[in-house]
C-alpha atoms as a PDB file:
ATOM      1  CA  MET A   1      83.182 -22.692  45.592  1.00  0.00           C
ATOM      2  CA  GLY A   2      83.811 -18.996  45.157  1.00  0.00           C
ATOM      3  CA  ALA A   3      81.685 -16.197  46.026  1.00  0.00           C
ATOM      4  CA  LEU A   4      78.510 -15.594  43.598  1.00  0.00           C
ATOM      5  CA  ASN A   5      78.834 -11.649  42.385  1.00  0.00           C
ATOM      6  CA  ILE A   6      74.824 -10.553  41.653  1.00  0.00           C
ATOM      7  CA  TRP A   7      74.138  -7.438  40.297  1.00  0.00           C
ATOM      8  CA  ASN A   8      72.989  -4.463  42.179  1.00  0.00           C
ATOM      9  CA  ALA A   9      70.520  -2.269  40.558  1.00  0.00           C
ATOM     10  CA  ILE A  10      71.335   0.339  43.144  1.00  0.00           C
ATOM     11  CA  GLU A  11      75.481   0.269  42.621  1.00  0.00           C
ATOM     12  CA  ILE A  12      75.591   0.416  38.995  1.00  0.00           C
ATOM     13  CA  PRO A  13      73.971   3.860  39.374  1.00  0.00           C
ATOM     14  CA  ARG A  14      76.489   4.856  42.039  1.00  0.00           C
ATOM     15  CA  GLU A  15      79.421   3.368  40.197  1.00  0.00           C
ATOM     16  CA  ALA A  16      78.237   5.329  37.161  1.00  0.00           C
ATOM     17  CA  GLN A  17      78.208   8.785  39.211  1.00  0.00           C
ATOM     18  CA  GLU A  18      81.947   7.561  40.919  1.00  0.00           C
ATOM     19  CA  ASN A  19      83.181   7.274  37.542  1.00  0.00           C
ATOM     20  CA  GLY A  20      82.013  10.569  36.073  1.00  0.00           C
ATOM     21  CA  SER A  21      79.044   8.984  34.102  1.00  0.00           C
ATOM     22  CA  SER A  22      76.522  11.660  33.061  1.00  0.00           C
ATOM     23  CA  GLU A  23      73.465  11.546  31.039  1.00  0.00           C
ATOM     24  CA  SER A  24      74.874  13.857  28.682  1.00  0.00           C
ATOM     25  CA  GLU A  25      76.872  11.463  26.794  1.00  0.00           C
ATOM     26  CA  ILE A  26      73.510   9.993  25.691  1.00  0.00           C
ATOM     27  CA  PRO A  27      71.233  12.685  23.453  1.00  0.00           C
ATOM     28  CA  SER A  28      68.300  13.315  25.286  1.00  0.00           C
ATOM     29  CA  SER A  29      65.032  15.401  23.788  1.00  0.00           C
ATOM     30  CA  SER A  30      61.970  17.075  25.517  1.00  0.00           C
ATOM     31  CA  ILE A  31      59.754  16.279  22.225  1.00  0.00           C
ATOM     32  CA  SER A  32      56.829  14.278  23.162  1.00  0.00           C
ATOM     33  CA  ILE A  33      55.438  11.254  20.963  1.00  0.00           C
ATOM     34  CA  ASP A  34      52.235   9.513  21.320  1.00  0.00           C
ATOM     35  CA  HIS A  35      53.699   6.047  20.733  1.00  0.00           C
ATOM     36  CA  SER A  36      49.873   4.606  19.982  1.00  0.00           C
ATOM     37  CA  LEU A  37      50.123   6.292  16.586  1.00  0.00           C
ATOM     38  CA  SER A  38      50.584   3.857  13.314  1.00  0.00           C
ATOM     39  CA  VAL A  39      53.937   3.995  11.957  1.00  0.00           C
ATOM     40  CA  PRO A  40      53.142   6.242   9.115  1.00  0.00           C
ATOM     41  CA  GLU A  41      51.501   8.682  11.586  1.00  0.00           C
ATOM     42  CA  ILE A  42      54.508   8.454  13.905  1.00  0.00           C
ATOM     43  CA  LYS A  43      57.106   8.882  11.334  1.00  0.00           C
ATOM     44  CA  PRO A  44      57.119  13.053  10.955  1.00  0.00           C
ATOM     45  CA  HIS A  45      57.486  13.036  14.736  1.00  0.00           C
ATOM     46  CA  ILE A  46      60.591  10.738  15.069  1.00  0.00           C
ATOM     47  CA  VAL A  47      61.907  12.511  11.972  1.00  0.00           C
ATOM     48  CA  GLU A  48      61.851  15.784  14.412  1.00  0.00           C
ATOM     49  CA  LEU A  49      63.023  13.870  17.312  1.00  0.00           C
ATOM     50  CA  LEU A  50      65.873  12.883  15.314  1.00  0.00           C
ATOM     51  CA  LYS A  51      67.022  16.057  13.712  1.00  0.00           C
ATOM     52  CA  ASP A  52      66.328  17.366  17.401  1.00  0.00           C
ATOM     53  CA  LEU A  53      68.834  15.263  19.247  1.00  0.00           C
ATOM     54  CA  PHE A  54      71.440  14.878  15.784  1.00  0.00           C
ATOM     55  CA  LYS A  55      71.886  18.575  14.394  1.00  0.00           C
ATOM     56  CA  LYS A  56      73.870  17.152  11.379  1.00  0.00           C
ATOM     57  CA  TRP A  57      70.514  15.795  10.248  1.00  0.00           C
ATOM     58  CA  THR A  58      68.774  18.715  10.131  1.00  0.00           C
ATOM     59  CA  GLU A  59      68.445  19.915   6.732  1.00  0.00           C
ATOM     60  CA  LEU A  60      67.759  15.950   5.533  1.00  0.00           C
ATOM     61  CA  ASP A  61      63.948  15.604   4.314  1.00  0.00           C
ATOM     62  CA  SER A  62      61.780  12.896   5.468  1.00  0.00           C
ATOM     63  CA  SER A  63      62.924  10.509   2.439  1.00  0.00           C
ATOM     64  CA  HIS A  64      66.208  10.313   4.412  1.00  0.00           C
ATOM     65  CA  PHE A  65      64.229   8.216   7.149  1.00  0.00           C
ATOM     66  CA  SER A  66      62.679   5.039   7.168  1.00  0.00           C
ATOM     67  CA  ILE A  67      61.081   3.211  10.259  1.00  0.00           C
ATOM     68  CA  GLU A  68      59.912  -0.428  11.004  1.00  0.00           C
ATOM     69  CA  THR A  69      58.835  -1.356  14.589  1.00  0.00           C
ATOM     70  CA  VAL A  70      60.379  -4.070  16.464  1.00  0.00           C
ATOM     71  CA  SER A  71      57.725  -6.791  18.339  1.00  0.00           C
ATOM     72  CA  GLY A  72      58.042  -7.550  21.662  1.00  0.00           C
ATOM     73  CA  GLY A  73      58.031  -4.676  23.781  1.00  0.00           C
ATOM     74  CA  ILE A  74      55.472  -4.734  26.598  1.00  0.00           C
ATOM     75  CA  THR A  75      54.943  -1.435  27.680  1.00  0.00           C
ATOM     76  CA  ASN A  76      57.255   0.481  25.211  1.00  0.00           C
ATOM     77  CA  LEU A  77      57.671   0.852  21.452  1.00  0.00           C
ATOM     78  CA  LEU A  78      60.765   0.068  19.949  1.00  0.00           C
ATOM     79  CA  LEU A  79      61.544   1.310  16.463  1.00  0.00           C
ATOM     80  CA  LYS A  80      64.668   0.631  13.956  1.00  0.00           C
ATOM     81  CA  VAL A  81      65.348   3.790  12.457  1.00  0.00           C
ATOM     82  CA  THR A  82      67.431   3.705   8.935  1.00  0.00           C
ATOM     83  CA  VAL A  83      68.984   7.182   8.018  1.00  0.00           C
ATOM     84  CA  ALA A  84      70.621   7.624   4.737  1.00  0.00           C
ATOM     85  CA  ASP A  85      72.520  11.026   4.762  1.00  0.00           C
ATOM     86  CA  GLU A  86      72.976  13.196   1.446  1.00  0.00           C
ATOM     87  CA  HIS A  87      76.585  11.356   0.924  1.00  0.00           C
ATOM     88  CA  GLU A  88      74.531   7.914   1.052  1.00  0.00           C
ATOM     89  CA  GLU A  89      76.398   7.046   4.278  1.00  0.00           C
ATOM     90  CA  ILE A  90      73.786   5.005   6.439  1.00  0.00           C
ATOM     91  CA  VAL A  91      72.885   4.805  10.023  1.00  0.00           C
ATOM     92  CA  LYS A  92      70.695   2.257  11.785  1.00  0.00           C
ATOM     93  CA  MET A  93      69.563   2.683  15.424  1.00  0.00           C
ATOM     94  CA  THR A  94      66.803   2.037  17.452  1.00  0.00           C
ATOM     95  CA  VAL A  95      64.369   4.098  19.099  1.00  0.00           C
ATOM     96  CA  ARG A  96      62.443   3.490  21.930  1.00  0.00           C
ATOM     97  CA  LEU A  97      59.435   5.536  23.265  1.00  0.00           C
ATOM     98  CA  PHE A  98      58.460   4.698  26.799  1.00  0.00           C
ATOM     99  CA  GLY A  99      54.900   3.257  27.306  1.00  0.00           C
ATOM    100  CA  PRO A 100      52.421   5.407  29.449  1.00  0.00           C
ATOM    101  CA  ASN A 101      52.845   5.759  33.029  1.00  0.00           C
ATOM    102  CA  THR A 102      55.994   3.599  33.016  1.00  0.00           C
ATOM    103  CA  GLU A 103      57.595   6.608  34.930  1.00  0.00           C
ATOM    104  CA  TYR A 104      55.982   5.179  37.951  1.00  0.00           C
ATOM    105  CA  VAL A 105      57.439   1.917  37.885  1.00  0.00           C
ATOM    106  CA  ILE A 106      60.769   2.364  36.320  1.00  0.00           C
ATOM    107  CA  ASN A 107      63.099   5.378  37.797  1.00  0.00           C
ATOM    108  CA  ARG A 108      64.479   6.410  34.163  1.00  0.00           C
ATOM    109  CA  GLU A 109      67.064   8.271  36.147  1.00  0.00           C
ATOM    110  CA  ARG A 110      68.497   5.149  37.309  1.00  0.00           C
ATOM    111  CA  GLU A 111      67.994   3.746  34.151  1.00  0.00           C
ATOM    112  CA  LEU A 112      70.200   6.028  32.109  1.00  0.00           C
ATOM    113  CA  LEU A 113      72.882   5.671  34.507  1.00  0.00           C
ATOM    114  CA  VAL A 114      72.602   2.166  34.144  1.00  0.00           C
ATOM    115  CA  SER A 115      72.832   2.462  29.983  1.00  0.00           C
ATOM    116  CA  CYS A 116      75.495   4.701  30.353  1.00  0.00           C
ATOM    117  CA  THR A 117      77.774   2.350  32.178  1.00  0.00           C
ATOM    118  CA  LEU A 118      76.603  -0.452  30.329  1.00  0.00           C
ATOM    119  CA  TYR A 119      77.763   1.521  26.582  1.00  0.00           C
ATOM    120  CA  LYS A 120      81.237   2.389  28.260  1.00  0.00           C
ATOM    121  CA  VAL A 121      82.098  -1.565  29.100  1.00  0.00           C
END
């Protein structure tokens, strides 16, 4: 029987660093959003966040953005966001808002490195 290859959460970030992966490959923002707000209340904040992350959308008004809640998260809020630009090009994405105090349990820097690695695969 062959050796069992078990995923090691410590090795993934090390490999990502060695392979030149950096957190700059995934857009990030310093904007903070209260994930306990309702979807209508949170929409202007999500629009602001997306305009901060993606400069090509800075001139779009909020009618170009639609937001739906995706269920199943334990501590995080996961949103499906659809953006229709002025050329009617439609982009769909998920936005994850971290739950309160999760940084005490989850190493976000390591998680981002893992995400970069998985994104490249």
